[in-house]
Amino acid sequence: MSEIEMDTTKALQRIVLVDDHPIVRDGLKQMIEQDPALQVCGEAGSADEALVVVDAQHPDLILVDVFLEGINGIELTKMLCERDPLACVLVLSMHDETLYAERAVRAGARGYVMKQEASRTILEAIHAVMRGDLYVSDAIRASLDDISSTEGLVDLATIPGRLSTRELGVFQAIGEGLDRNHIADTLGISIKTVETHRANIKYKLNLGSATALVANAKAWVRQMQQV
């Protein structure tokens, strides 16, 4: 019995909440912890506090509000992703996504969701970004895809020579639409190793975002299938 409980605890996905309103953080925490797979492991009311808490907790996900006192959530997202390319950030806001979603993703966020959405939608967004998916509306996704298709593609023919054999395997799996858990299972490596390879691939190919990484990986897989 105790072993089962220990395994369940280890499986929990740990989340840090960043919002300058304590009552909002309390509500989010109650909602999130209704999901047995999720646990709030830290809270912060400002960007400075968030950096300290994230460094201490190493969460699986950081849920960030757009508007914070001092440094805003978009800038905080950029800082978090510059400090740790593996950081998983979901931006939560009261403001329409047409105003901030694209900026958030360009800063490194893996998704953007409105506070007004139903609890199940917010939880769906949390699980989606932790799987490695991008969580935005179809309209914003199309806009980001257009940008990636015109500005973000590298010379696909050079990719095999720029990546190691294992990195190339991870790159191909990303292009085939596998999430990090399936990539880890398929290649027999840990999820942390998958994330390390993702970060190395982005660096070697000079890709500034997860969106650009996925766009290039999909383009490369399509090219391979045509050969």
C-alpha atoms as a PDB file:
ATOM      1  CA  MET A   1       0.000   0.000   0.000  1.00  0.00           C
ATOM      2  CA  SER A   2       2.733   2.432   0.957  1.00  0.00           C
ATOM      3  CA  GLU A   3       4.701   1.576  -2.200  1.00  0.00           C
ATOM      4  CA  ILE A   4       1.660   2.387  -4.337  1.00  0.00           C
ATOM      5  CA  GLU A   5       1.217   5.696  -2.545  1.00  0.00           C
ATOM      6  CA  MET A   6       4.895   6.527  -3.050  1.00  0.00           C
ATOM      7  CA  ASP A   7       4.675   5.760  -6.766  1.00  0.00           C
ATOM      8  CA  THR A   8       1.597   7.967  -7.090  1.00  0.00           C
ATOM      9  CA  THR A   9       3.401  10.835  -5.354  1.00  0.00           C
ATOM     10  CA  LYS A  10       6.378  10.501  -7.684  1.00  0.00           C
ATOM     11  CA  ALA A  11       4.045  10.658 -10.680  1.00  0.00           C
ATOM     12  CA  LEU A  12       2.602  14.031  -9.682  1.00  0.00           C
ATOM     13  CA  GLN A  13       3.295  16.882 -12.082  1.00  0.00           C
ATOM     14  CA  ARG A  14       4.566  19.850 -10.057  1.00  0.00           C
ATOM     15  CA  ILE A  15       3.385  23.373 -10.813  1.00  0.00           C
ATOM     16  CA  VAL A  16       4.454  26.852  -9.689  1.00  0.00           C
ATOM     17  CA  LEU A  17       1.779  29.579  -9.772  1.00  0.00           C
ATOM     18  CA  VAL A  18       2.799  33.163 -10.573  1.00  0.00           C
ATOM     19  CA  ASP A  19       0.063  35.751 -10.011  1.00  0.00           C
ATOM     20  CA  ASP A  20       0.111  38.951  -7.970  1.00  0.00           C
ATOM     21  CA  HIS A  21      -3.341  38.292  -6.481  1.00  0.00           C
ATOM     22  CA  PRO A  22      -3.275  35.758  -3.601  1.00  0.00           C
ATOM     23  CA  ILE A  23      -7.002  35.063  -3.968  1.00  0.00           C
ATOM     24  CA  VAL A  24      -6.460  34.113  -7.625  1.00  0.00           C
ATOM     25  CA  ARG A  25      -3.590  31.802  -6.690  1.00  0.00           C
ATOM     26  CA  ASP A  26      -5.776  30.170  -4.028  1.00  0.00           C
ATOM     27  CA  GLY A  27      -8.524  29.534  -6.575  1.00  0.00           C
ATOM     28  CA  LEU A  28      -6.106  28.151  -9.130  1.00  0.00           C
ATOM     29  CA  LYS A  29      -4.487  25.892  -6.551  1.00  0.00           C
ATOM     30  CA  GLN A  30      -7.829  24.439  -5.487  1.00  0.00           C
ATOM     31  CA  MET A  31      -8.818  23.841  -9.097  1.00  0.00           C
ATOM     32  CA  ILE A  32      -5.469  22.304 -10.099  1.00  0.00           C
ATOM     33  CA  GLU A  33      -5.235  19.975  -7.116  1.00  0.00           C
ATOM     34  CA  GLN A  34      -8.630  18.494  -7.911  1.00  0.00           C
ATOM     35  CA  ASP A  35      -6.682  16.687 -10.626  1.00  0.00           C
ATOM     36  CA  PRO A  36      -4.929  13.743  -8.920  1.00  0.00           C
ATOM     37  CA  ALA A  37      -1.984  14.004 -11.328  1.00  0.00           C
ATOM     38  CA  LEU A  38      -1.155  17.611 -10.434  1.00  0.00           C
ATOM     39  CA  GLN A  39       0.370  19.345  -7.416  1.00  0.00           C
ATOM     40  CA  VAL A  40       1.100  23.025  -6.734  1.00  0.00           C
ATOM     41  CA  CYS A  41       4.630  23.060  -5.326  1.00  0.00           C
ATOM     42  CA  GLY A  42       5.187  26.820  -5.096  1.00  0.00           C
ATOM     43  CA  GLU A  43       3.649  30.268  -5.495  1.00  0.00           C
ATOM     44  CA  ALA A  44       4.947  33.725  -6.335  1.00  0.00           C
ATOM     45  CA  GLY A  45       3.419  37.180  -6.538  1.00  0.00           C
ATOM     46  CA  SER A  46       6.098  38.834  -8.678  1.00  0.00           C
ATOM     47  CA  ALA A  47       8.745  38.036 -11.262  1.00  0.00           C
ATOM     48  CA  ASP A  48      11.563  38.299  -8.717  1.00  0.00           C
ATOM     49  CA  GLU A  49       9.789  35.881  -6.369  1.00  0.00           C
ATOM     50  CA  ALA A  50       9.051  33.550  -9.279  1.00  0.00           C
ATOM     51  CA  LEU A  51      12.715  33.248 -10.242  1.00  0.00           C
ATOM     52  CA  VAL A  52      13.623  32.286  -6.681  1.00  0.00           C
ATOM     53  CA  VAL A  53      10.777  29.762  -6.337  1.00  0.00           C
ATOM     54  CA  VAL A  54      11.442  28.154  -9.721  1.00  0.00           C
ATOM     55  CA  ASP A  55      15.149  27.790  -8.947  1.00  0.00           C
ATOM     56  CA  ALA A  56      14.275  26.112  -5.663  1.00  0.00           C
ATOM     57  CA  GLN A  57      11.471  23.847  -6.871  1.00  0.00           C
ATOM     58  CA  HIS A  58      12.375  22.914 -10.468  1.00  0.00           C
ATOM     59  CA  PRO A  59       8.692  22.496 -11.392  1.00  0.00           C
ATOM     60  CA  ASP A  60       7.298  20.638 -14.387  1.00  0.00           C
ATOM     61  CA  LEU A  61       5.199  23.683 -15.299  1.00  0.00           C
ATOM     62  CA  ILE A  62       5.132  27.398 -14.478  1.00  0.00           C
ATOM     63  CA  LEU A  63       1.709  29.045 -14.773  1.00  0.00           C
ATOM     64  CA  VAL A  64       2.264  32.781 -15.331  1.00  0.00           C
ATOM     65  CA  ASP A  65      -0.164  35.703 -15.389  1.00  0.00           C
ATOM     66  CA  VAL A  66       0.511  38.377 -18.026  1.00  0.00           C
ATOM     67  CA  PHE A  67       0.224  41.353 -15.715  1.00  0.00           C
ATOM     68  CA  LEU A  68       2.499  41.410 -12.679  1.00  0.00           C
ATOM     69  CA  GLU A  69       3.857  44.317 -10.690  1.00  0.00           C
ATOM     70  CA  GLY A  70       7.239  45.335 -12.075  1.00  0.00           C
ATOM     71  CA  ILE A  71       8.325  42.844 -14.735  1.00  0.00           C
ATOM     72  CA  ASN A  72       5.313  41.566 -16.672  1.00  0.00           C
ATOM     73  CA  GLY A  73       4.527  37.940 -17.409  1.00  0.00           C
ATOM     74  CA  ILE A  74       5.770  38.058 -20.998  1.00  0.00           C
ATOM     75  CA  GLU A  75       9.181  39.332 -19.912  1.00  0.00           C
ATOM     76  CA  LEU A  76       9.253  36.840 -17.048  1.00  0.00           C
ATOM     77  CA  THR A  77       8.549  34.041 -19.524  1.00  0.00           C
ATOM     78  CA  LYS A  78      11.476  35.171 -21.649  1.00  0.00           C
ATOM     79  CA  MET A  79      13.731  35.298 -18.585  1.00  0.00           C
ATOM     80  CA  LEU A  80      12.676  31.828 -17.431  1.00  0.00           C
ATOM     81  CA  CYS A  81      13.303  30.330 -20.871  1.00  0.00           C
ATOM     82  CA  GLU A  82      16.668  32.053 -21.226  1.00  0.00           C
ATOM     83  CA  ARG A  83      17.750  30.706 -17.824  1.00  0.00           C
ATOM     84  CA  ASP A  84      16.451  27.222 -18.606  1.00  0.00           C
ATOM     85  CA  PRO A  85      15.635  26.281 -22.231  1.00  0.00           C
ATOM     86  CA  LEU A  86      13.645  23.334 -20.853  1.00  0.00           C
ATOM     87  CA  ALA A  87      11.290  25.550 -18.842  1.00  0.00           C
ATOM     88  CA  CYS A  88       7.633  24.759 -19.506  1.00  0.00           C
ATOM     89  CA  VAL A  89       5.571  27.961 -19.234  1.00  0.00           C
ATOM     90  CA  LEU A  90       1.815  28.375 -19.702  1.00  0.00           C
ATOM     91  CA  VAL A  91       0.578  31.965 -19.760  1.00  0.00           C
ATOM     92  CA  LEU A  92      -2.795  32.660 -18.153  1.00  0.00           C
ATOM     93  CA  SER A  93      -4.534  35.996 -18.681  1.00  0.00           C
ATOM     94  CA  MET A  94      -7.806  37.892 -18.478  1.00  0.00           C
ATOM     95  CA  HIS A  95      -6.966  39.530 -21.807  1.00  0.00           C
ATOM     96  CA  ASP A  96      -7.936  38.296 -25.250  1.00  0.00           C
ATOM     97  CA  GLU A  97      -5.322  36.072 -26.864  1.00  0.00           C
ATOM     98  CA  THR A  98      -5.153  38.285 -29.968  1.00  0.00           C
ATOM     99  CA  LEU A  99      -3.393  40.864 -27.793  1.00  0.00           C
ATOM    100  CA  TYR A 100      -0.760  38.711 -26.113  1.00  0.00           C
ATOM    101  CA  ALA A 101      -0.739  35.056 -27.221  1.00  0.00           C
ATOM    102  CA  GLU A 102       1.719  35.442 -30.090  1.00  0.00           C
ATOM    103  CA  ARG A 103       4.042  37.570 -27.939  1.00  0.00           C
ATOM    104  CA  ALA A 104       3.885  34.960 -25.169  1.00  0.00           C
ATOM    105  CA  VAL A 105       4.804  32.100 -27.520  1.00  0.00           C
ATOM    106  CA  ARG A 106       7.607  34.116 -29.085  1.00  0.00           C
ATOM    107  CA  ALA A 107       8.937  34.685 -25.558  1.00  0.00           C
ATOM    108  CA  GLY A 108       9.047  30.923 -25.057  1.00  0.00           C
ATOM    109  CA  ALA A 109       5.637  30.029 -23.594  1.00  0.00           C
ATOM    110  CA  ARG A 110       4.127  26.744 -24.707  1.00  0.00           C
ATOM    111  CA  GLY A 111       0.570  27.974 -24.456  1.00  0.00           C
ATOM    112  CA  TYR A 112      -1.861  30.770 -23.689  1.00  0.00           C
ATOM    113  CA  VAL A 113      -5.221  30.328 -21.990  1.00  0.00           C
ATOM    114  CA  MET A 114      -7.846  32.774 -20.740  1.00  0.00           C
ATOM    115  CA  LYS A 115      -8.716  32.939 -17.036  1.00  0.00           C
ATOM    116  CA  GLN A 116     -12.381  33.075 -18.012  1.00  0.00           C
ATOM    117  CA  GLU A 117     -12.227  29.572 -19.474  1.00  0.00           C
ATOM    118  CA  ALA A 118     -13.861  26.667 -17.670  1.00  0.00           C
ATOM    119  CA  SER A 119     -11.708  24.722 -15.213  1.00  0.00           C
ATOM    120  CA  ARG A 120     -11.602  21.714 -17.551  1.00  0.00           C
ATOM    121  CA  THR A 121     -10.187  23.898 -20.349  1.00  0.00           C
ATOM    122  CA  ILE A 122      -7.423  25.257 -18.131  1.00  0.00           C
ATOM    123  CA  LEU A 123      -6.582  21.735 -16.985  1.00  0.00           C
ATOM    124  CA  GLU A 124      -6.593  20.575 -20.600  1.00  0.00           C
ATOM    125  CA  ALA A 125      -4.121  23.360 -21.422  1.00  0.00           C
ATOM    126  CA  ILE A 126      -1.879  22.355 -18.508  1.00  0.00           C
ATOM    127  CA  HIS A 127      -1.748  18.724 -19.600  1.00  0.00           C
ATOM    128  CA  ALA A 128      -1.242  19.673 -23.259  1.00  0.00           C
ATOM    129  CA  VAL A 129       1.834  21.845 -22.674  1.00  0.00           C
ATOM    130  CA  MET A 130       3.346  19.271 -20.312  1.00  0.00           C
ATOM    131  CA  ARG A 131       3.009  16.698 -23.104  1.00  0.00           C
ATOM    132  CA  GLY A 132       5.082  19.038 -25.256  1.00  0.00           C
ATOM    133  CA  ASP A 133       2.165  20.374 -27.299  1.00  0.00           C
ATOM    134  CA  LEU A 134       1.510  24.016 -28.113  1.00  0.00           C
ATOM    135  CA  TYR A 135      -1.804  25.161 -26.606  1.00  0.00           C
ATOM    136  CA  VAL A 136      -3.336  28.114 -28.465  1.00  0.00           C
ATOM    137  CA  SER A 137      -6.444  28.629 -30.560  1.00  0.00           C
ATOM    138  CA  ASP A 138      -6.517  27.522 -34.188  1.00  0.00           C
ATOM    139  CA  ALA A 139      -6.331  31.147 -35.335  1.00  0.00           C
ATOM    140  CA  ILE A 140      -3.185  31.885 -33.320  1.00  0.00           C
ATOM    141  CA  ARG A 141      -1.650  28.544 -34.339  1.00  0.00           C
ATOM    142  CA  ALA A 142      -2.197  29.386 -38.022  1.00  0.00           C
ATOM    143  CA  SER A 143      -0.528  32.753 -37.509  1.00  0.00           C
ATOM    144  CA  LEU A 144       2.462  31.134 -35.814  1.00  0.00           C
ATOM    145  CA  ASP A 145       2.695  28.459 -38.514  1.00  0.00           C
ATOM    146  CA  ASP A 146       2.727  31.146 -41.200  1.00  0.00           C
ATOM    147  CA  ILE A 147       5.598  32.910 -39.440  1.00  0.00           C
ATOM    148  CA  SER A 148       7.530  29.667 -38.989  1.00  0.00           C
ATOM    149  CA  SER A 149       7.007  28.608 -42.610  1.00  0.00           C
ATOM    150  CA  THR A 150       8.418  31.864 -43.986  1.00  0.00           C
ATOM    151  CA  GLU A 151      11.046  32.817 -41.405  1.00  0.00           C
ATOM    152  CA  GLY A 152      11.938  29.823 -39.288  1.00  0.00           C
ATOM    153  CA  LEU A 153      12.933  27.000 -41.646  1.00  0.00           C
ATOM    154  CA  VAL A 154      16.591  26.075 -41.808  1.00  0.00           C
ATOM    155  CA  ASP A 155      18.285  24.427 -44.787  1.00  0.00           C
ATOM    156  CA  LEU A 156      16.794  20.952 -44.327  1.00  0.00           C
ATOM    157  CA  ALA A 157      19.568  19.259 -46.310  1.00  0.00           C
ATOM    158  CA  THR A 158      22.142  20.322 -43.706  1.00  0.00           C
ATOM    159  CA  ILE A 159      20.288  18.912 -40.702  1.00  0.00           C
ATOM    160  CA  PRO A 160      21.812  15.365 -40.625  1.00  0.00           C
ATOM    161  CA  GLY A 161      25.303  16.862 -40.561  1.00  0.00           C
ATOM    162  CA  ARG A 162      24.473  19.293 -37.747  1.00  0.00           C
ATOM    163  CA  LEU A 163      22.898  16.832 -35.310  1.00  0.00           C
ATOM    164  CA  SER A 164      24.177  13.711 -33.570  1.00  0.00           C
ATOM    165  CA  THR A 165      22.551  10.350 -34.325  1.00  0.00           C
ATOM    166  CA  ARG A 166      20.502  10.463 -31.123  1.00  0.00           C
ATOM    167  CA  GLU A 167      19.508  14.105 -31.663  1.00  0.00           C
ATOM    168  CA  LEU A 168      18.399  13.233 -35.171  1.00  0.00           C
ATOM    169  CA  GLY A 169      16.229  10.445 -33.767  1.00  0.00           C
ATOM    170  CA  VAL A 170      14.594  12.853 -31.336  1.00  0.00           C
ATOM    171  CA  PHE A 171      14.177  15.431 -34.122  1.00  0.00           C
ATOM    172  CA  GLN A 172      12.454  12.875 -36.349  1.00  0.00           C
ATOM    173  CA  ALA A 173      10.154  11.779 -33.519  1.00  0.00           C
ATOM    174  CA  ILE A 174       9.145  15.398 -32.903  1.00  0.00           C
ATOM    175  CA  GLY A 175       8.364  15.750 -36.604  1.00  0.00           C
ATOM    176  CA  GLU A 176       6.214  12.627 -36.452  1.00  0.00           C
ATOM    177  CA  GLY A 177       4.121  14.252 -33.733  1.00  0.00           C
ATOM    178  CA  LEU A 178       5.281  12.187 -30.747  1.00  0.00           C
ATOM    179  CA  ASP A 179       5.209  13.840 -27.324  1.00  0.00           C
ATOM    180  CA  ARG A 180       8.188  13.685 -24.976  1.00  0.00           C
ATOM    181  CA  ASN A 181       6.837  10.656 -23.075  1.00  0.00           C
ATOM    182  CA  HIS A 182       6.445   8.612 -26.260  1.00  0.00           C
ATOM    183  CA  ILE A 183       9.849   9.754 -27.522  1.00  0.00           C
ATOM    184  CA  ALA A 184      11.444   8.617 -24.264  1.00  0.00           C
ATOM    185  CA  ASP A 185       9.709   5.219 -24.460  1.00  0.00           C
ATOM    186  CA  THR A 186      10.529   4.736 -28.148  1.00  0.00           C
ATOM    187  CA  LEU A 187      14.212   5.618 -27.808  1.00  0.00           C
ATOM    188  CA  GLY A 188      14.698   4.062 -24.366  1.00  0.00           C
ATOM    189  CA  ILE A 189      15.841   7.273 -22.706  1.00  0.00           C
ATOM    190  CA  SER A 190      14.548   9.441 -19.875  1.00  0.00           C
ATOM    191  CA  ILE A 191      12.200  12.387 -20.361  1.00  0.00           C
ATOM    192  CA  LYS A 192      14.951  14.659 -19.009  1.00  0.00           C
ATOM    193  CA  THR A 193      17.304  13.363 -21.690  1.00  0.00           C
ATOM    194  CA  VAL A 194      14.656  14.036 -24.330  1.00  0.00           C
ATOM    195  CA  GLU A 195      14.398  17.629 -23.112  1.00  0.00           C
ATOM    196  CA  THR A 196      18.177  17.985 -23.142  1.00  0.00           C
ATOM    197  CA  HIS A 197      18.283  16.779 -26.753  1.00  0.00           C
ATOM    198  CA  ARG A 198      15.483  19.208 -27.664  1.00  0.00           C
ATOM    199  CA  ALA A 199      17.464  22.090 -26.165  1.00  0.00           C
ATOM    200  CA  ASN A 200      20.633  21.010 -27.997  1.00  0.00           C
ATOM    201  CA  ILE A 201      18.767  20.716 -31.298  1.00  0.00           C
ATOM    202  CA  LYS A 202      17.318  24.210 -30.907  1.00  0.00           C
ATOM    203  CA  TYR A 203      20.799  25.554 -30.179  1.00  0.00           C
ATOM    204  CA  LYS A 204      22.517  23.750 -33.053  1.00  0.00           C
ATOM    205  CA  LEU A 205      19.831  24.757 -35.567  1.00  0.00           C
ATOM    206  CA  ASN A 206      19.554  28.281 -34.120  1.00  0.00           C
ATOM    207  CA  LEU A 207      15.826  27.929 -33.463  1.00  0.00           C
ATOM    208  CA  GLY A 208      14.349  30.465 -31.073  1.00  0.00           C
ATOM    209  CA  SER A 209      11.200  28.665 -29.953  1.00  0.00           C
ATOM    210  CA  ALA A 210       9.496  25.305 -29.536  1.00  0.00           C
ATOM    211  CA  THR A 211       7.154  26.324 -32.362  1.00  0.00           C
ATOM    212  CA  ALA A 212      10.097  26.747 -34.763  1.00  0.00           C
ATOM    213  CA  LEU A 213      11.538  23.409 -33.630  1.00  0.00           C
ATOM    214  CA  VAL A 214       8.287  21.566 -34.378  1.00  0.00           C
ATOM    215  CA  ALA A 215       7.831  23.353 -37.726  1.00  0.00           C
ATOM    216  CA  ASN A 216      11.328  22.387 -38.872  1.00  0.00           C
ATOM    217  CA  ALA A 217      10.998  18.819 -37.627  1.00  0.00           C
ATOM    218  CA  LYS A 218       7.691  18.355 -39.469  1.00  0.00           C
ATOM    219  CA  ALA A 219       9.141  19.865 -42.649  1.00  0.00           C
ATOM    220  CA  TRP A 220      12.153  17.533 -42.444  1.00  0.00           C
ATOM    221  CA  VAL A 221       9.962  14.445 -41.923  1.00  0.00           C
ATOM    222  CA  ARG A 222       7.781  15.454 -44.895  1.00  0.00           C
ATOM    223  CA  GLN A 223      10.894  15.809 -47.035  1.00  0.00           C
ATOM    224  CA  MET A 224      12.150  12.374 -45.953  1.00  0.00           C
ATOM    225  CA  GLN A 225       8.809  10.794 -46.863  1.00  0.00           C
ATOM    226  CA  GLN A 226       9.025  12.249 -50.361  1.00  0.00           C
ATOM    227  CA  VAL A 227      12.439  10.772 -51.071  1.00  0.00           C
END
